N, C-alpha and C. Protein backbone atom coordinates (compact mmCIF):
# COMPACT_ATOMS: atom_id res chain seq x y z
N MET A 1 0.82 -1.17 0.00
CA MET A 1 0.00 0.00 0.00
C MET A 1 0.88 1.26 0.00
N GLU A 2 1.96 1.22 0.74
CA GLU A 2 2.83 2.36 0.77
C GLU A 2 3.47 2.58 -0.60
N ALA A 3 3.79 1.55 -1.32
CA ALA A 3 4.36 1.65 -2.67
C ALA A 3 3.33 2.28 -3.61
N GLU A 4 2.10 1.86 -3.40
CA GLU A 4 1.03 2.43 -4.24
C GLU A 4 0.86 3.91 -3.94
N LEU A 5 0.93 4.27 -2.65
CA LEU A 5 0.79 5.66 -2.25
C LEU A 5 1.96 6.48 -2.82
N GLU A 6 3.15 5.90 -2.76
CA GLU A 6 4.30 6.61 -3.30
C GLU A 6 4.18 6.76 -4.82
N ARG A 7 3.68 5.73 -5.47
CA ARG A 7 3.48 5.80 -6.92
C ARG A 7 2.46 6.88 -7.24
N PHE A 8 1.36 6.96 -6.50
CA PHE A 8 0.36 8.02 -6.71
C PHE A 8 0.96 9.40 -6.45
N HIS A 9 1.80 9.45 -5.43
CA HIS A 9 2.45 10.72 -5.09
C HIS A 9 3.36 11.16 -6.25
N LYS A 10 4.13 10.21 -6.81
CA LYS A 10 5.00 10.52 -7.95
C LYS A 10 4.16 10.94 -9.16
N GLN A 11 3.07 10.20 -9.37
CA GLN A 11 2.19 10.55 -10.50
C GLN A 11 1.59 11.94 -10.27
N ASN A 12 1.20 12.21 -9.06
CA ASN A 12 0.62 13.52 -8.72
C ASN A 12 1.65 14.62 -8.95
N THR A 13 2.88 14.39 -8.51
CA THR A 13 3.95 15.37 -8.71
C THR A 13 4.20 15.55 -10.21
N GLN A 14 4.25 14.45 -10.92
CA GLN A 14 4.46 14.51 -12.38
C GLN A 14 3.32 15.27 -13.05
N LEU A 15 2.09 15.00 -12.62
CA LEU A 15 0.94 15.72 -13.19
C LEU A 15 1.00 17.20 -12.86
N GLU A 16 1.41 17.54 -11.65
CA GLU A 16 1.55 18.96 -11.28
C GLU A 16 2.62 19.62 -12.15
N LEU A 17 3.73 18.91 -12.37
CA LEU A 17 4.77 19.45 -13.25
C LEU A 17 4.23 19.64 -14.68
N ASN A 18 3.48 18.64 -15.15
CA ASN A 18 2.88 18.74 -16.48
C ASN A 18 1.92 19.93 -16.55
N ILE A 19 1.11 20.07 -15.47
CA ILE A 19 0.16 21.20 -15.43
C ILE A 19 0.92 22.52 -15.44
N THR A 20 1.97 22.63 -14.64
CA THR A 20 2.77 23.86 -14.59
C THR A 20 3.39 24.13 -15.97
N GLU A 21 3.93 23.09 -16.58
CA GLU A 21 4.53 23.23 -17.91
C GLU A 21 3.48 23.66 -18.93
N LEU A 22 2.31 23.05 -18.87
CA LEU A 22 1.23 23.42 -19.79
C LEU A 22 0.77 24.85 -19.56
N TRP A 23 0.69 25.26 -18.27
CA TRP A 23 0.32 26.65 -17.98
C TRP A 23 1.36 27.61 -18.55
N GLN A 24 2.63 27.27 -18.42
CA GLN A 24 3.68 28.12 -18.98
C GLN A 24 3.57 28.18 -20.51
N LYS A 25 3.31 27.04 -21.12
CA LYS A 25 3.12 27.02 -22.58
C LYS A 25 1.91 27.86 -22.97
N LEU A 26 0.84 27.73 -22.17
CA LEU A 26 -0.37 28.50 -22.44
C LEU A 26 -0.09 30.00 -22.34
N ARG A 27 0.64 30.39 -21.28
CA ARG A 27 0.98 31.82 -21.13
C ARG A 27 1.85 32.30 -22.30
N ALA A 28 2.84 31.48 -22.66
CA ALA A 28 3.71 31.85 -23.78
C ALA A 28 2.91 31.96 -25.07
N THR A 29 2.02 31.00 -25.28
CA THR A 29 1.17 31.03 -26.47
C THR A 29 0.25 32.24 -26.44
N ASP A 30 -0.27 32.54 -25.25
CA ASP A 30 -1.15 33.71 -25.10
C ASP A 30 -0.39 35.00 -25.40
N GLN A 31 0.85 35.09 -24.89
CA GLN A 31 1.67 36.27 -25.18
C GLN A 31 1.96 36.37 -26.67
N GLU A 32 2.29 35.25 -27.27
CA GLU A 32 2.57 35.24 -28.71
C GLU A 32 1.33 35.65 -29.50
N MET A 33 0.17 35.15 -29.05
CA MET A 33 -1.08 35.50 -29.72
C MET A 33 -1.35 37.00 -29.58
N ARG A 34 -1.10 37.56 -28.39
CA ARG A 34 -1.29 39.00 -28.20
C ARG A 34 -0.35 39.79 -29.11
N LYS A 35 0.91 39.33 -29.20
CA LYS A 35 1.87 40.00 -30.09
C LYS A 35 1.39 39.96 -31.53
N GLU A 36 0.92 38.80 -31.96
CA GLU A 36 0.43 38.65 -33.33
C GLU A 36 -0.80 39.52 -33.58
N LYS A 37 -1.69 39.57 -32.58
CA LYS A 37 -2.88 40.43 -32.73
C LYS A 37 -2.46 41.89 -32.80
N GLN A 38 -1.46 42.28 -32.01
CA GLN A 38 -0.97 43.65 -32.06
C GLN A 38 -0.35 43.94 -33.43
N LYS A 39 0.42 42.97 -33.94
CA LYS A 39 0.98 43.14 -35.28
C LYS A 39 -0.13 43.29 -36.31
N GLU A 40 -1.17 42.48 -36.15
CA GLU A 40 -2.30 42.55 -37.08
C GLU A 40 -2.96 43.92 -37.00
N ARG A 41 -3.18 44.42 -35.77
CA ARG A 41 -3.79 45.75 -35.62
C ARG A 41 -2.88 46.82 -36.22
N ASP A 42 -1.57 46.68 -35.98
CA ASP A 42 -0.63 47.64 -36.55
C ASP A 42 -0.68 47.62 -38.07
N LEU A 43 -0.71 46.41 -38.63
CA LEU A 43 -0.79 46.28 -40.09
C LEU A 43 -2.10 46.84 -40.62
N GLU A 44 -3.19 46.56 -39.92
CA GLU A 44 -4.49 47.11 -40.35
C GLU A 44 -4.46 48.63 -40.31
N ALA A 45 -3.80 49.19 -39.29
CA ALA A 45 -3.69 50.65 -39.21
C ALA A 45 -2.86 51.17 -40.38
N VAL A 46 -1.75 50.49 -40.69
CA VAL A 46 -0.91 50.92 -41.81
C VAL A 46 -1.70 50.82 -43.12
N VAL A 47 -2.44 49.73 -43.28
CA VAL A 47 -3.25 49.57 -44.50
C VAL A 47 -4.30 50.67 -44.57
N LYS A 48 -4.91 50.99 -43.44
CA LYS A 48 -5.93 52.05 -43.42
C LYS A 48 -5.29 53.39 -43.78
N TRP A 49 -4.13 53.69 -43.20
CA TRP A 49 -3.43 54.93 -43.54
C TRP A 49 -3.08 54.95 -45.01
N PHE A 50 -2.60 53.81 -45.50
CA PHE A 50 -2.23 53.71 -46.90
C PHE A 50 -3.43 53.98 -47.80
N LYS A 51 -4.56 53.35 -47.46
CA LYS A 51 -5.78 53.57 -48.26
C LYS A 51 -6.17 55.04 -48.24
N THR A 52 -6.10 55.66 -47.07
CA THR A 52 -6.45 57.08 -46.96
C THR A 52 -5.50 57.92 -47.81
N ASP A 53 -4.20 57.64 -47.69
CA ASP A 53 -3.22 58.39 -48.47
C ASP A 53 -3.42 58.16 -49.97
N LEU A 54 -3.71 56.92 -50.34
CA LEU A 54 -3.95 56.60 -51.75
C LEU A 54 -5.20 57.33 -52.25
N HIS A 55 -6.24 57.35 -51.44
CA HIS A 55 -7.47 58.06 -51.82
C HIS A 55 -7.17 59.55 -52.00
N ASN A 56 -6.33 60.10 -51.13
CA ASN A 56 -5.95 61.51 -51.25
C ASN A 56 -5.15 61.74 -52.53
N CYS A 57 -4.36 60.76 -52.94
CA CYS A 57 -3.59 60.88 -54.19
C CYS A 57 -4.52 60.95 -55.40
N VAL A 58 -5.59 60.19 -55.36
CA VAL A 58 -6.52 60.13 -56.49
C VAL A 58 -7.12 61.51 -56.76
N ALA A 59 -7.19 62.35 -55.74
CA ALA A 59 -7.73 63.70 -55.93
C ALA A 59 -6.88 64.51 -56.92
N TYR A 60 -5.63 64.11 -57.13
CA TYR A 60 -4.73 64.84 -58.02
C TYR A 60 -4.62 64.18 -59.39
N ILE A 61 -5.61 63.38 -59.75
CA ILE A 61 -5.55 62.64 -61.02
C ILE A 61 -5.51 63.58 -62.22
N GLN A 62 -6.09 64.76 -62.09
CA GLN A 62 -6.11 65.72 -63.20
C GLN A 62 -4.83 66.55 -63.27
N GLU A 63 -3.97 66.44 -62.25
CA GLU A 63 -2.74 67.23 -62.19
C GLU A 63 -1.55 66.27 -62.08
N PRO A 64 -1.06 65.77 -63.21
CA PRO A 64 0.00 64.76 -63.20
C PRO A 64 1.24 65.12 -62.38
N PRO A 65 1.75 66.36 -62.43
CA PRO A 65 2.94 66.64 -61.61
C PRO A 65 2.67 66.47 -60.11
N LEU A 66 1.52 66.97 -59.64
CA LEU A 66 1.19 66.81 -58.23
C LEU A 66 0.93 65.35 -57.89
N LEU A 67 0.28 64.63 -58.81
CA LEU A 67 0.02 63.21 -58.59
C LEU A 67 1.34 62.46 -58.45
N LYS A 68 2.28 62.77 -59.33
CA LYS A 68 3.58 62.12 -59.27
C LYS A 68 4.26 62.39 -57.93
N GLU A 69 4.18 63.64 -57.48
CA GLU A 69 4.77 64.01 -56.19
C GLU A 69 4.11 63.25 -55.04
N LYS A 70 2.79 63.16 -55.08
CA LYS A 70 2.06 62.46 -54.01
C LYS A 70 2.38 60.97 -54.01
N VAL A 71 2.44 60.36 -55.20
CA VAL A 71 2.75 58.93 -55.28
C VAL A 71 4.19 58.69 -54.81
N ARG A 72 5.08 59.59 -55.16
CA ARG A 72 6.46 59.48 -54.69
C ARG A 72 6.50 59.56 -53.16
N GLY A 73 5.68 60.46 -52.60
CA GLY A 73 5.58 60.56 -51.14
C GLY A 73 5.07 59.27 -50.53
N LEU A 74 4.07 58.66 -51.19
CA LEU A 74 3.56 57.36 -50.72
C LEU A 74 4.69 56.32 -50.74
N PHE A 75 5.43 56.32 -51.82
CA PHE A 75 6.52 55.37 -51.96
C PHE A 75 7.52 55.54 -50.82
N GLU A 76 7.92 56.80 -50.59
CA GLU A 76 8.89 57.05 -49.53
C GLU A 76 8.33 56.68 -48.17
N LYS A 77 7.09 57.01 -47.96
CA LYS A 77 6.48 56.77 -46.65
C LYS A 77 6.31 55.28 -46.36
N TYR A 78 5.79 54.53 -47.32
CA TYR A 78 5.45 53.14 -47.05
C TYR A 78 6.54 52.16 -47.43
N VAL A 79 7.29 52.43 -48.48
CA VAL A 79 8.33 51.49 -48.87
C VAL A 79 9.48 51.55 -47.89
N GLN A 80 9.83 52.74 -47.41
CA GLN A 80 10.88 52.84 -46.41
C GLN A 80 10.47 52.11 -45.14
N ARG A 81 9.20 52.22 -44.80
CA ARG A 81 8.71 51.47 -43.65
C ARG A 81 8.88 49.97 -43.90
N ALA A 82 8.58 49.56 -45.11
CA ALA A 82 8.73 48.14 -45.45
C ALA A 82 10.19 47.73 -45.31
N ASP A 83 11.11 48.60 -45.74
CA ASP A 83 12.53 48.30 -45.60
C ASP A 83 12.92 48.19 -44.14
N MET A 84 12.40 49.10 -43.30
CA MET A 84 12.69 49.04 -41.87
C MET A 84 12.12 47.76 -41.26
N VAL A 85 10.95 47.37 -41.74
CA VAL A 85 10.34 46.13 -41.24
C VAL A 85 11.22 44.95 -41.60
N GLU A 86 11.76 44.96 -42.83
CA GLU A 86 12.65 43.88 -43.23
C GLU A 86 13.89 43.84 -42.34
N MET A 87 14.44 45.03 -42.05
CA MET A 87 15.62 45.08 -41.21
C MET A 87 15.30 44.61 -39.79
N ALA A 88 14.11 44.86 -39.34
CA ALA A 88 13.73 44.42 -38.00
C ALA A 88 13.57 42.91 -37.96
N GLY A 89 13.52 42.28 -39.11
CA GLY A 89 13.49 40.83 -39.16
C GLY A 89 12.12 40.24 -38.92
N LEU A 90 11.07 40.93 -39.34
CA LEU A 90 9.74 40.35 -39.18
C LEU A 90 9.56 39.21 -40.17
N ASN A 91 8.54 38.44 -39.93
CA ASN A 91 8.35 37.22 -40.72
C ASN A 91 8.04 37.51 -42.19
N THR A 92 8.15 36.49 -42.99
CA THR A 92 7.97 36.65 -44.44
C THR A 92 6.53 36.97 -44.81
N ASP A 93 5.57 36.59 -43.98
CA ASP A 93 4.18 36.93 -44.28
C ASP A 93 4.00 38.44 -44.37
N LEU A 94 4.61 39.14 -43.45
CA LEU A 94 4.51 40.60 -43.44
C LEU A 94 5.19 41.18 -44.68
N GLN A 95 6.34 40.62 -45.02
CA GLN A 95 7.04 41.08 -46.21
C GLN A 95 6.21 40.82 -47.46
N GLN A 96 5.56 39.66 -47.50
CA GLN A 96 4.69 39.35 -48.63
C GLN A 96 3.52 40.31 -48.69
N GLU A 97 2.98 40.67 -47.54
CA GLU A 97 1.86 41.63 -47.50
C GLU A 97 2.31 42.98 -48.05
N TYR A 98 3.49 43.43 -47.64
CA TYR A 98 4.00 44.70 -48.16
C TYR A 98 4.24 44.60 -49.67
N ALA A 99 4.78 43.47 -50.11
CA ALA A 99 5.00 43.29 -51.56
C ALA A 99 3.67 43.31 -52.29
N ARG A 100 2.66 42.66 -51.72
CA ARG A 100 1.34 42.65 -52.33
C ARG A 100 0.78 44.07 -52.40
N GLN A 101 0.93 44.82 -51.31
CA GLN A 101 0.44 46.20 -51.30
C GLN A 101 1.19 47.05 -52.31
N ARG A 102 2.49 46.81 -52.42
CA ARG A 102 3.28 47.57 -53.38
C ARG A 102 2.82 47.27 -54.80
N GLU A 103 2.61 45.98 -55.10
CA GLU A 103 2.10 45.61 -56.42
C GLU A 103 0.75 46.25 -56.67
N HIS A 104 -0.09 46.25 -55.64
CA HIS A 104 -1.41 46.87 -55.76
C HIS A 104 -1.27 48.36 -56.06
N LEU A 105 -0.35 49.02 -55.35
CA LEU A 105 -0.11 50.44 -55.58
C LEU A 105 0.41 50.68 -57.00
N GLU A 106 1.31 49.83 -57.45
CA GLU A 106 1.83 49.99 -58.81
C GLU A 106 0.74 49.79 -59.85
N ARG A 107 -0.15 48.80 -59.61
CA ARG A 107 -1.27 48.59 -60.53
C ARG A 107 -2.19 49.81 -60.52
N ASN A 108 -2.46 50.33 -59.31
CA ASN A 108 -3.30 51.52 -59.21
C ASN A 108 -2.65 52.70 -59.92
N LEU A 109 -1.35 52.84 -59.76
CA LEU A 109 -0.63 53.92 -60.42
C LEU A 109 -0.73 53.78 -61.94
N ALA A 110 -0.58 52.56 -62.43
CA ALA A 110 -0.70 52.33 -63.88
C ALA A 110 -2.11 52.67 -64.35
N THR A 111 -3.10 52.27 -63.57
CA THR A 111 -4.50 52.59 -63.92
C THR A 111 -4.72 54.09 -63.92
N ILE A 112 -4.18 54.76 -62.90
CA ILE A 112 -4.34 56.21 -62.80
C ILE A 112 -3.65 56.89 -63.98
N LYS A 113 -2.46 56.39 -64.35
CA LYS A 113 -1.76 56.97 -65.50
C LYS A 113 -2.60 56.83 -66.77
N LYS A 114 -3.20 55.63 -66.94
CA LYS A 114 -4.05 55.42 -68.11
C LYS A 114 -5.22 56.38 -68.10
N LYS A 115 -5.84 56.55 -66.93
CA LYS A 115 -6.97 57.47 -66.82
C LYS A 115 -6.54 58.89 -67.14
N VAL A 116 -5.38 59.29 -66.62
CA VAL A 116 -4.88 60.65 -66.88
C VAL A 116 -4.64 60.84 -68.37
N LEU A 117 -4.01 59.84 -69.01
CA LEU A 117 -3.77 59.95 -70.45
C LEU A 117 -5.08 60.02 -71.22
N LYS A 118 -6.03 59.18 -70.83
CA LYS A 118 -7.33 59.18 -71.50
C LYS A 118 -8.03 60.52 -71.31
N GLU A 119 -8.02 61.02 -70.07
CA GLU A 119 -8.65 62.30 -69.78
C GLU A 119 -7.96 63.43 -70.55
N SER A 120 -6.63 63.41 -70.57
CA SER A 120 -5.92 64.47 -71.28
C SER A 120 -6.21 64.40 -72.78
N GLU A 121 -6.33 63.19 -73.32
CA GLU A 121 -6.68 63.03 -74.74
C GLU A 121 -8.08 63.56 -74.99
N LEU A 122 -9.01 63.23 -74.10
CA LEU A 122 -10.38 63.75 -74.24
C LEU A 122 -10.39 65.27 -74.17
N HIS A 123 -9.63 65.81 -73.21
CA HIS A 123 -9.57 67.26 -73.08
C HIS A 123 -8.92 67.89 -74.31
N ARG A 124 -7.91 67.21 -74.84
CA ARG A 124 -7.25 67.74 -76.03
C ARG A 124 -8.21 67.75 -77.21
N THR A 125 -8.95 66.66 -77.40
CA THR A 125 -9.90 66.62 -78.51
C THR A 125 -11.01 67.64 -78.29
N ASP A 126 -11.47 67.78 -77.04
CA ASP A 126 -12.47 68.81 -76.74
C ASP A 126 -11.91 70.19 -77.04
N TYR A 127 -10.67 70.42 -76.66
CA TYR A 127 -10.02 71.70 -76.89
C TYR A 127 -9.94 72.00 -78.39
N VAL A 128 -9.52 71.00 -79.16
CA VAL A 128 -9.41 71.17 -80.62
C VAL A 128 -10.80 71.44 -81.21
N ARG A 129 -11.79 70.68 -80.77
CA ARG A 129 -13.16 70.87 -81.27
C ARG A 129 -13.66 72.28 -80.93
N ILE A 130 -13.44 72.70 -79.70
CA ILE A 130 -13.89 74.04 -79.28
C ILE A 130 -13.15 75.11 -80.07
N MET A 131 -11.84 74.91 -80.30
CA MET A 131 -11.09 75.88 -81.09
C MET A 131 -11.65 75.97 -82.51
N GLN A 132 -11.97 74.82 -83.10
CA GLN A 132 -12.53 74.82 -84.45
C GLN A 132 -13.89 75.52 -84.46
N GLU A 133 -14.70 75.25 -83.45
CA GLU A 133 -16.00 75.93 -83.35
C GLU A 133 -15.79 77.43 -83.21
N ASN A 134 -14.82 77.83 -82.39
CA ASN A 134 -14.54 79.26 -82.20
C ASN A 134 -14.11 79.90 -83.51
N VAL A 135 -13.26 79.21 -84.26
CA VAL A 135 -12.80 79.75 -85.55
C VAL A 135 -13.99 79.94 -86.48
N SER A 136 -14.86 78.92 -86.56
CA SER A 136 -16.01 79.05 -87.46
C SER A 136 -16.96 80.14 -86.96
N LEU A 137 -17.13 80.25 -85.65
CA LEU A 137 -18.00 81.31 -85.11
C LEU A 137 -17.41 82.70 -85.37
N ILE A 138 -16.10 82.82 -85.24
CA ILE A 138 -15.45 84.11 -85.52
C ILE A 138 -15.63 84.46 -86.99
N LYS A 139 -15.48 83.47 -87.88
CA LYS A 139 -15.71 83.72 -89.31
C LYS A 139 -17.15 84.17 -89.54
N GLU A 140 -18.08 83.48 -88.89
CA GLU A 140 -19.49 83.84 -89.04
C GLU A 140 -19.75 85.25 -88.51
N ILE A 141 -19.15 85.58 -87.37
CA ILE A 141 -19.31 86.93 -86.80
C ILE A 141 -18.76 87.96 -87.76
N ASN A 142 -17.58 87.71 -88.32
CA ASN A 142 -16.99 88.66 -89.26
C ASN A 142 -17.86 88.81 -90.50
N GLU A 143 -18.40 87.70 -90.99
CA GLU A 143 -19.31 87.75 -92.14
C GLU A 143 -20.55 88.58 -91.80
N LEU A 144 -21.11 88.32 -90.62
CA LEU A 144 -22.29 89.09 -90.20
C LEU A 144 -21.97 90.56 -90.04
N ARG A 145 -20.77 90.88 -89.56
CA ARG A 145 -20.37 92.30 -89.44
C ARG A 145 -20.29 92.95 -90.82
N ARG A 146 -19.71 92.19 -91.78
CA ARG A 146 -19.65 92.74 -93.14
C ARG A 146 -21.05 92.98 -93.70
N GLU A 147 -21.93 91.97 -93.47
CA GLU A 147 -23.31 92.13 -93.94
C GLU A 147 -23.98 93.32 -93.26
N LEU A 148 -23.76 93.47 -91.96
CA LEU A 148 -24.35 94.59 -91.22
C LEU A 148 -23.83 95.92 -91.76
N LYS A 149 -22.53 95.98 -92.01
CA LYS A 149 -21.93 97.21 -92.54
C LYS A 149 -22.52 97.53 -93.92
N PHE A 150 -22.62 96.47 -94.75
CA PHE A 150 -23.19 96.67 -96.08
C PHE A 150 -24.65 97.11 -95.97
N THR A 151 -25.43 96.46 -95.09
CA THR A 151 -26.84 96.80 -94.92
C THR A 151 -26.98 98.22 -94.40
N ARG A 152 -26.14 98.61 -93.45
CA ARG A 152 -26.19 99.99 -92.93
C ARG A 152 -25.88 100.98 -94.04
N SER A 153 -24.91 100.62 -94.85
CA SER A 153 -24.56 101.50 -95.96
C SER A 153 -25.74 101.63 -96.92
N GLN A 154 -26.44 100.51 -97.19
CA GLN A 154 -27.62 100.56 -98.06
C GLN A 154 -28.71 101.41 -97.41
N VAL A 155 -28.93 101.21 -96.12
CA VAL A 155 -29.95 101.98 -95.40
C VAL A 155 -29.60 103.46 -95.47
N TYR A 156 -28.34 103.79 -95.25
CA TYR A 156 -27.91 105.19 -95.31
C TYR A 156 -28.16 105.76 -96.71
N ASP A 157 -27.79 104.97 -97.73
CA ASP A 157 -28.00 105.41 -99.11
C ASP A 157 -29.49 105.59 -99.40
N LEU A 158 -30.31 104.63 -98.93
CA LEU A 158 -31.75 104.72 -99.16
C LEU A 158 -32.35 105.91 -98.42
N GLU A 159 -31.89 106.14 -97.19
CA GLU A 159 -32.40 107.29 -96.43
C GLU A 159 -32.00 108.59 -97.13
N ALA A 160 -30.79 108.63 -97.63
CA ALA A 160 -30.33 109.83 -98.34
C ALA A 160 -31.17 110.03 -99.60
N ALA A 161 -31.44 108.92 -100.32
CA ALA A 161 -32.24 109.01 -101.53
C ALA A 161 -33.66 109.44 -101.18
N LEU A 162 -34.20 108.92 -100.07
CA LEU A 162 -35.55 109.27 -99.64
C LEU A 162 -35.62 110.76 -99.28
N LYS A 163 -34.62 111.25 -98.57
CA LYS A 163 -34.59 112.66 -98.20
C LYS A 163 -34.51 113.52 -99.47
N LEU A 164 -33.68 113.10 -100.40
CA LEU A 164 -33.54 113.84 -101.65
C LEU A 164 -34.85 113.82 -102.42
N SER A 165 -35.50 112.66 -102.42
CA SER A 165 -36.77 112.52 -103.12
C SER A 165 -37.81 113.42 -102.47
N LYS A 166 -37.86 113.45 -101.15
CA LYS A 166 -38.82 114.32 -100.44
C LYS A 166 -38.52 115.78 -100.73
N LYS A 167 -37.25 116.11 -100.77
CA LYS A 167 -36.86 117.49 -101.03
C LYS A 167 -37.30 117.90 -102.44
N ILE A 168 -37.09 117.00 -103.38
CA ILE A 168 -37.48 117.29 -104.76
C ILE A 168 -38.98 117.45 -104.84
N ARG A 169 -39.74 116.55 -104.18
CA ARG A 169 -41.19 116.64 -104.19
C ARG A 169 -41.64 117.96 -103.56
N THR A 170 -41.01 118.31 -102.48
CA THR A 170 -41.38 119.55 -101.81
C THR A 170 -41.13 120.73 -102.75
N GLN A 171 -40.04 120.72 -103.44
CA GLN A 171 -39.75 121.80 -104.37
C GLN A 171 -40.74 121.78 -105.53
N GLU A 172 -41.08 120.59 -106.00
CA GLU A 172 -42.03 120.48 -107.09
C GLU A 172 -43.40 120.98 -106.64
N ASP A 173 -43.77 120.58 -105.40
CA ASP A 173 -45.06 121.02 -104.86
C ASP A 173 -45.07 122.54 -104.74
N GLN A 174 -43.99 123.09 -104.31
CA GLN A 174 -43.93 124.54 -104.16
C GLN A 174 -43.99 125.21 -105.54
N GLU A 175 -43.32 124.63 -106.50
CA GLU A 175 -43.33 125.20 -107.84
C GLU A 175 -44.72 125.08 -108.46
N THR A 176 -45.37 123.95 -108.26
CA THR A 176 -46.71 123.80 -108.79
C THR A 176 -47.66 124.69 -108.03
N GLY A 177 -47.42 124.89 -106.77
CA GLY A 177 -48.25 125.79 -105.98
C GLY A 177 -48.04 127.22 -106.43
N ASN A 178 -46.85 127.58 -106.81
CA ASN A 178 -46.56 128.91 -107.28
C ASN A 178 -47.18 129.11 -108.66
N VAL A 179 -47.18 128.09 -109.45
CA VAL A 179 -47.74 128.18 -110.78
C VAL A 179 -49.26 128.30 -110.66
N ILE A 180 -49.88 127.55 -109.78
CA ILE A 180 -51.33 127.57 -109.60
C ILE A 180 -51.73 128.91 -109.03
N SER A 181 -51.05 129.43 -108.09
CA SER A 181 -51.43 130.68 -107.46
C SER A 181 -51.06 131.86 -108.37
N GLY A 182 -50.17 131.68 -109.26
CA GLY A 182 -49.72 132.76 -110.08
C GLY A 182 -50.40 132.90 -111.34
């Protein structure tokens, strides 16, 4: 019976050691999980900042020099961070995430460049069309001015002829009146 009691005591001690070891593993795992969750929150914050900064860059889509400057700022801000993260020795998943984000940014930049080129081409064709319309309208205005000048000249000539005609009639009426009264 004493051997059995000693065996139970050894088993109990062994189980307590196992429990202590498992608790330590649990604490270590819990700490690791907290660290990973913090990394995840940090990455989510960086992604959120990146999205906000990228959205702010899109506002300059019509102004290529400013857009280029803003995208360069994004590159400096986020790629340098990625380099620092690499130097800090974080895991490859994080590096892959940064590479994925960088590829996404490059694709967005290419899309934005295409949109800018398309918009500038549309604006250029609109500009050319408006210039052509302006040229034709200016020609039409000049033609109408010539017609107006010619019409005014005709009106002036007709008014002068009418005045002369009235004057002649008045003189004729006076002469006929003088002949009748005389």
